[in-house]
């Protein structure tokens, strides 16, 4: 009886570890990045490698926009601006609902020191 309980406990622990650390599928990565309940980014996702021109797509609440646009800045590893531009609403932005947007940034990055940076919306 004691041996069966030990085997059951080990099986439960192994199942728990499997579900906690083993992804259930290879395509379970998030499809969007989200900031609070204001903006969702479809592309690029965090930790993605980017190239120029960078296409940024997502959706934001209408209040995120001013005159159907909002600023976007791309900075390198030490915070220096390497590109800036505006995201544009794809349809009616005078709403509290999510509005799709798109932006395009062209940049040249010096990757000799670091290939890290940040996209600021």
N, C-alpha and C. Protein backbone atom coordinates (compact mmCIF):
# COMPACT_ATOMS: atom_id res chain seq x y z
N UNK A 1 0.82 -1.20 0.00
CA UNK A 1 0.00 0.00 0.00
C UNK A 1 0.86 1.26 0.00
N UNK A 2 1.88 1.28 0.88
CA UNK A 2 2.77 2.43 0.98
C UNK A 2 3.51 2.66 -0.34
N UNK A 3 3.91 1.59 -1.00
CA UNK A 3 4.62 1.67 -2.27
C UNK A 3 3.72 2.31 -3.34
N UNK A 4 2.44 1.97 -3.36
CA UNK A 4 1.49 2.55 -4.32
C UNK A 4 1.31 4.06 -4.09
N UNK A 5 1.27 4.47 -2.82
CA UNK A 5 1.13 5.89 -2.50
C UNK A 5 2.35 6.66 -2.97
N UNK A 6 3.54 6.12 -2.75
CA UNK A 6 4.77 6.78 -3.17
C UNK A 6 4.80 6.91 -4.69
N UNK A 7 4.42 5.87 -5.39
CA UNK A 7 4.39 5.90 -6.86
C UNK A 7 3.37 6.93 -7.35
N UNK A 8 2.21 7.00 -6.70
CA UNK A 8 1.19 7.97 -7.06
C UNK A 8 1.68 9.40 -6.83
N UNK A 9 2.34 9.65 -5.71
CA UNK A 9 2.87 10.98 -5.41
C UNK A 9 3.92 11.36 -6.45
N UNK A 10 4.81 10.46 -6.79
CA UNK A 10 5.84 10.74 -7.80
C UNK A 10 5.20 11.03 -9.15
N UNK A 11 4.16 10.28 -9.51
CA UNK A 11 3.47 10.51 -10.78
C UNK A 11 2.81 11.88 -10.80
N UNK A 12 2.16 12.27 -9.70
CA UNK A 12 1.52 13.58 -9.64
C UNK A 12 2.55 14.69 -9.75
N UNK A 13 3.68 14.55 -9.06
CA UNK A 13 4.75 15.56 -9.14
C UNK A 13 5.28 15.66 -10.57
N UNK A 14 5.51 14.55 -11.22
CA UNK A 14 6.02 14.58 -12.59
C UNK A 14 5.01 15.21 -13.55
N UNK A 15 3.73 14.93 -13.36
CA UNK A 15 2.70 15.54 -14.21
C UNK A 15 2.67 17.04 -13.98
N UNK A 16 2.74 17.48 -12.71
CA UNK A 16 2.75 18.91 -12.40
C UNK A 16 3.95 19.59 -13.06
N UNK A 17 5.12 19.00 -12.94
CA UNK A 17 6.32 19.57 -13.55
C UNK A 17 6.17 19.62 -15.06
N UNK A 18 5.61 18.58 -15.64
CA UNK A 18 5.40 18.55 -17.09
C UNK A 18 4.50 19.67 -17.57
N UNK A 19 3.38 19.92 -16.87
CA UNK A 19 2.47 20.98 -17.27
C UNK A 19 3.04 22.37 -16.98
N UNK A 20 3.84 22.47 -15.95
CA UNK A 20 4.38 23.78 -15.58
C UNK A 20 5.51 24.22 -16.51
N UNK A 21 6.38 23.32 -16.89
CA UNK A 21 7.59 23.68 -17.62
C UNK A 21 7.62 23.22 -19.07
N UNK A 22 6.77 22.37 -19.48
CA UNK A 22 6.77 21.85 -20.85
C UNK A 22 5.63 22.52 -21.61
N UNK A 23 5.91 23.22 -22.70
CA UNK A 23 4.80 23.86 -23.43
C UNK A 23 3.88 22.81 -24.04
N UNK A 24 2.56 23.02 -23.97
CA UNK A 24 1.62 22.05 -24.51
C UNK A 24 1.67 21.92 -26.03
N UNK A 25 2.17 22.95 -26.70
CA UNK A 25 2.30 22.88 -28.15
C UNK A 25 3.38 23.85 -28.60
N UNK A 26 3.88 23.65 -29.79
CA UNK A 26 4.96 24.51 -30.28
C UNK A 26 4.45 25.84 -30.80
N UNK A 27 3.14 25.98 -31.01
CA UNK A 27 2.58 27.21 -31.56
C UNK A 27 1.76 27.97 -30.51
N UNK A 28 2.16 27.89 -29.25
CA UNK A 28 1.41 28.52 -28.17
C UNK A 28 1.99 29.86 -27.75
N UNK A 29 2.89 30.40 -28.50
CA UNK A 29 3.46 31.71 -28.18
C UNK A 29 2.38 32.77 -28.32
N UNK A 30 2.46 33.83 -27.51
CA UNK A 30 1.46 34.89 -27.63
C UNK A 30 1.44 35.51 -29.02
N UNK A 31 0.27 35.85 -29.48
CA UNK A 31 0.12 36.46 -30.81
C UNK A 31 0.16 37.98 -30.74
N UNK A 32 -0.01 38.54 -29.53
CA UNK A 32 0.05 39.98 -29.35
C UNK A 32 0.74 40.30 -28.03
N UNK A 33 1.27 41.52 -27.96
CA UNK A 33 1.76 42.07 -26.70
C UNK A 33 0.76 43.14 -26.31
N UNK A 34 0.49 43.26 -25.02
CA UNK A 34 -0.56 44.19 -24.60
C UNK A 34 -0.06 45.05 -23.45
N UNK A 35 -0.43 46.34 -23.45
CA UNK A 35 -0.16 47.25 -22.34
C UNK A 35 -1.49 47.63 -21.72
N UNK A 36 -1.68 47.17 -20.50
CA UNK A 36 -2.93 47.40 -19.77
C UNK A 36 -4.10 47.07 -20.68
N UNK A 37 -5.12 47.91 -20.69
CA UNK A 37 -6.26 47.69 -21.58
C UNK A 37 -6.31 48.82 -22.60
N UNK A 38 -5.11 49.25 -23.07
CA UNK A 38 -5.04 50.41 -23.96
C UNK A 38 -4.54 50.08 -25.35
N UNK A 39 -3.55 49.22 -25.45
CA UNK A 39 -2.94 48.98 -26.76
C UNK A 39 -2.49 47.52 -26.86
N UNK A 40 -2.66 46.96 -28.05
CA UNK A 40 -2.21 45.60 -28.37
C UNK A 40 -1.31 45.68 -29.59
N UNK A 41 -0.16 45.05 -29.51
CA UNK A 41 0.79 45.05 -30.62
C UNK A 41 0.83 43.64 -31.22
N UNK A 42 0.56 43.55 -32.52
CA UNK A 42 0.63 42.27 -33.22
C UNK A 42 2.05 42.00 -33.71
N UNK A 43 2.69 43.04 -34.20
CA UNK A 43 4.06 42.91 -34.70
C UNK A 43 4.79 44.23 -34.55
N UNK A 44 5.99 44.26 -34.08
CA UNK A 44 6.80 43.13 -33.61
C UNK A 44 6.45 42.78 -32.17
N UNK A 45 6.67 41.53 -31.80
CA UNK A 45 6.44 41.10 -30.43
C UNK A 45 7.71 41.30 -29.61
N UNK A 46 7.60 41.36 -28.29
CA UNK A 46 8.80 41.52 -27.45
C UNK A 46 9.84 40.46 -27.75
N UNK A 47 11.09 40.87 -27.72
CA UNK A 47 12.25 40.01 -27.95
C UNK A 47 12.41 39.56 -29.39
N UNK A 48 11.59 40.06 -30.32
CA UNK A 48 11.76 39.73 -31.73
C UNK A 48 12.96 40.46 -32.30
N UNK A 49 13.61 39.87 -33.27
CA UNK A 49 14.65 40.53 -34.02
C UNK A 49 13.97 41.32 -35.14
N UNK A 50 14.38 42.58 -35.30
CA UNK A 50 13.73 43.42 -36.30
C UNK A 50 14.73 43.84 -37.36
N UNK A 51 14.20 44.23 -38.52
CA UNK A 51 15.03 44.76 -39.60
C UNK A 51 14.33 45.99 -40.17
N UNK A 52 15.09 46.77 -40.89
CA UNK A 52 14.53 47.97 -41.52
C UNK A 52 14.07 47.61 -42.93
N UNK A 53 12.93 48.07 -43.34
CA UNK A 53 11.95 48.88 -42.62
C UNK A 53 11.14 48.02 -41.65
N UNK A 54 10.83 48.59 -40.50
CA UNK A 54 10.06 47.93 -39.47
C UNK A 54 8.60 48.30 -39.63
N UNK A 55 7.76 47.29 -39.81
CA UNK A 55 6.32 47.50 -39.90
C UNK A 55 5.73 47.19 -38.52
N UNK A 56 4.98 48.13 -37.98
CA UNK A 56 4.36 47.97 -36.67
C UNK A 56 2.85 47.93 -36.89
N UNK A 57 2.23 46.86 -36.37
CA UNK A 57 0.78 46.70 -36.51
C UNK A 57 0.19 46.35 -35.16
N UNK A 58 -1.04 46.81 -34.96
CA UNK A 58 -1.74 46.49 -33.74
C UNK A 58 -3.06 47.21 -33.68
N UNK A 59 -3.56 47.36 -32.47
CA UNK A 59 -4.78 48.12 -32.27
C UNK A 59 -4.69 48.82 -30.92
N UNK A 60 -5.24 50.03 -30.88
CA UNK A 60 -5.20 50.85 -29.67
C UNK A 60 -6.56 51.46 -29.44
N UNK A 61 -6.84 51.76 -28.20
CA UNK A 61 -8.08 52.45 -27.88
C UNK A 61 -8.07 53.81 -28.57
N UNK A 62 -9.25 54.29 -28.96
CA UNK A 62 -9.36 55.56 -29.66
C UNK A 62 -8.71 56.72 -28.91
N UNK A 63 -8.73 56.67 -27.57
CA UNK A 63 -8.13 57.76 -26.78
C UNK A 63 -6.61 57.81 -26.90
N UNK A 64 -5.99 56.76 -27.43
CA UNK A 64 -4.54 56.70 -27.62
C UNK A 64 -4.11 57.63 -28.77
N UNK A 65 -5.03 57.93 -29.67
CA UNK A 65 -4.74 58.70 -30.87
C UNK A 65 -5.00 60.20 -30.66
N UNK A 66 -4.28 61.01 -31.41
CA UNK A 66 -4.57 62.44 -31.54
C UNK A 66 -4.61 62.73 -33.03
N UNK A 67 -5.75 63.16 -33.52
CA UNK A 67 -5.94 63.40 -34.95
C UNK A 67 -5.55 62.17 -35.78
N UNK A 68 -5.96 61.00 -35.30
CA UNK A 68 -5.79 59.71 -35.97
C UNK A 68 -4.35 59.22 -36.03
N UNK A 69 -3.44 59.80 -35.23
CA UNK A 69 -2.06 59.33 -35.19
C UNK A 69 -1.55 59.32 -33.75
N UNK A 70 -0.44 58.62 -33.53
CA UNK A 70 0.31 58.75 -32.28
C UNK A 70 1.78 58.48 -32.58
N UNK A 71 2.69 59.08 -31.79
CA UNK A 71 4.12 58.97 -32.10
C UNK A 71 4.70 57.61 -31.74
N UNK A 72 5.70 57.21 -32.51
CA UNK A 72 6.45 55.98 -32.27
C UNK A 72 7.93 56.32 -32.36
N UNK A 73 8.71 55.82 -31.41
CA UNK A 73 10.14 56.08 -31.37
C UNK A 73 10.87 54.75 -31.20
N UNK A 74 11.93 54.55 -31.97
CA UNK A 74 12.79 53.38 -31.84
C UNK A 74 14.13 53.86 -31.30
N UNK A 75 14.58 53.28 -30.18
CA UNK A 75 15.85 53.69 -29.58
C UNK A 75 16.80 52.50 -29.54
N UNK A 76 18.10 52.81 -29.54
CA UNK A 76 19.09 51.74 -29.46
C UNK A 76 19.35 51.38 -28.00
N UNK A 77 20.36 50.58 -27.75
CA UNK A 77 20.62 50.03 -26.42
C UNK A 77 20.88 51.09 -25.36
N UNK A 78 21.38 52.26 -25.74
CA UNK A 78 21.65 53.30 -24.74
C UNK A 78 20.64 54.44 -24.80
N UNK A 79 19.51 54.23 -25.46
CA UNK A 79 18.43 55.21 -25.45
C UNK A 79 18.50 56.28 -26.52
N UNK A 80 19.44 56.19 -27.43
CA UNK A 80 19.53 57.16 -28.52
C UNK A 80 18.49 56.84 -29.59
N UNK A 81 17.80 57.86 -30.05
CA UNK A 81 16.75 57.67 -31.06
C UNK A 81 17.39 57.31 -32.40
N UNK A 82 16.96 56.18 -32.97
CA UNK A 82 17.46 55.79 -34.29
C UNK A 82 16.36 55.88 -35.36
N UNK A 83 15.10 56.03 -34.92
CA UNK A 83 14.00 56.23 -35.87
C UNK A 83 12.80 56.76 -35.09
N UNK A 84 12.01 57.60 -35.77
CA UNK A 84 10.77 58.06 -35.18
C UNK A 84 9.77 58.34 -36.27
N UNK A 85 8.52 58.21 -35.92
CA UNK A 85 7.45 58.41 -36.89
C UNK A 85 6.11 58.39 -36.20
N UNK A 86 5.07 58.17 -36.98
CA UNK A 86 3.71 58.16 -36.44
C UNK A 86 2.96 56.92 -36.90
N UNK A 87 2.21 56.35 -35.98
CA UNK A 87 1.27 55.29 -36.33
C UNK A 87 -0.02 55.96 -36.75
N UNK A 88 -0.68 55.38 -37.73
CA UNK A 88 -1.90 55.96 -38.27
C UNK A 88 -3.06 54.98 -38.10
N UNK A 89 -4.19 55.51 -37.66
CA UNK A 89 -5.40 54.70 -37.51
C UNK A 89 -5.87 54.23 -38.88
N UNK A 90 -6.30 52.99 -38.94
CA UNK A 90 -6.77 52.44 -40.21
C UNK A 90 -8.23 52.76 -40.47
N UNK A 91 -8.98 53.09 -39.44
CA UNK A 91 -10.38 53.51 -39.61
C UNK A 91 -10.76 54.41 -38.45
N UNK A 92 -12.03 54.71 -38.26
CA UNK A 92 -12.51 55.68 -37.29
C UNK A 92 -11.86 55.60 -35.93
N UNK A 93 -11.22 56.66 -35.49
CA UNK A 93 -10.47 56.67 -34.25
C UNK A 93 -11.21 57.39 -33.12
N UNK A 94 -12.31 58.03 -33.40
CA UNK A 94 -13.05 58.77 -32.37
C UNK A 94 -14.01 57.83 -31.66
N UNK A 95 -13.44 56.91 -30.90
CA UNK A 95 -14.19 55.89 -30.19
C UNK A 95 -13.40 55.47 -28.96
N UNK A 96 -14.02 54.77 -28.06
CA UNK A 96 -13.30 54.21 -26.93
C UNK A 96 -12.91 52.76 -27.19
N UNK A 97 -13.35 52.22 -28.33
CA UNK A 97 -13.03 50.85 -28.70
C UNK A 97 -11.63 50.79 -29.29
N UNK A 98 -11.18 49.54 -29.57
CA UNK A 98 -9.90 49.35 -30.22
C UNK A 98 -9.98 49.74 -31.69
N UNK A 99 -8.94 50.42 -32.16
CA UNK A 99 -8.84 50.86 -33.55
C UNK A 99 -7.55 50.30 -34.12
N UNK A 100 -7.58 49.60 -35.25
CA UNK A 100 -6.35 49.09 -35.85
C UNK A 100 -5.46 50.23 -36.33
N UNK A 101 -4.14 50.01 -36.22
CA UNK A 101 -3.18 51.01 -36.69
C UNK A 101 -2.01 50.32 -37.36
N UNK A 102 -1.25 51.12 -38.09
CA UNK A 102 -0.04 50.63 -38.75
C UNK A 102 0.97 51.76 -38.82
N UNK A 103 2.24 51.40 -38.76
CA UNK A 103 3.32 52.37 -38.88
C UNK A 103 4.51 51.70 -39.57
N UNK A 104 5.37 52.52 -40.14
CA UNK A 104 6.57 52.01 -40.81
C UNK A 104 7.74 52.89 -40.39
N UNK A 105 8.80 52.27 -39.88
CA UNK A 105 10.00 52.99 -39.49
C UNK A 105 11.19 52.44 -40.27
N UNK A 106 11.96 53.33 -40.84
CA UNK A 106 13.21 52.94 -41.48
C UNK A 106 14.35 53.41 -40.59
N UNK A 107 15.33 52.54 -40.40
CA UNK A 107 16.41 52.86 -39.47
C UNK A 107 17.70 52.18 -39.88
N UNK A 108 18.79 52.69 -39.32
CA UNK A 108 20.09 52.06 -39.44
C UNK A 108 20.61 51.91 -38.02
N UNK A 109 20.94 50.71 -37.64
CA UNK A 109 21.40 50.45 -36.27
C UNK A 109 22.85 50.02 -36.27
N UNK A 110 23.62 50.57 -35.34
CA UNK A 110 25.00 50.16 -35.14
C UNK A 110 24.99 48.99 -34.15
N UNK A 111 25.17 47.79 -34.66
CA UNK A 111 25.10 46.60 -33.80
C UNK A 111 26.47 46.13 -33.34
N UNK A 112 27.50 46.94 -33.51
CA UNK A 112 28.84 46.53 -33.07
C UNK A 112 28.94 46.49 -31.56
N UNK A 113 28.16 47.32 -30.86
CA UNK A 113 28.21 47.32 -29.40
C UNK A 113 27.10 46.44 -28.83
N UNK A 114 25.88 46.59 -29.36
CA UNK A 114 24.75 45.82 -28.86
C UNK A 114 23.70 45.74 -29.95
N UNK A 115 22.93 44.68 -29.95
CA UNK A 115 21.83 44.57 -30.89
C UNK A 115 20.49 44.71 -30.17
N UNK A 116 20.49 45.34 -29.01
CA UNK A 116 19.27 45.54 -28.22
C UNK A 116 18.74 46.94 -28.42
N UNK A 117 17.47 47.13 -28.15
CA UNK A 117 16.83 48.43 -28.26
C UNK A 117 15.42 48.36 -27.74
N UNK A 118 14.65 49.43 -27.98
CA UNK A 118 13.27 49.46 -27.50
C UNK A 118 12.41 50.25 -28.48
N UNK A 119 11.17 49.83 -28.57
CA UNK A 119 10.17 50.51 -29.36
C UNK A 119 9.23 51.21 -28.37
N UNK A 120 9.12 52.52 -28.49
CA UNK A 120 8.32 53.31 -27.55
C UNK A 120 7.11 53.84 -28.29
N UNK A 121 5.92 53.52 -27.77
CA UNK A 121 4.67 53.97 -28.37
C UNK A 121 4.04 55.01 -27.44
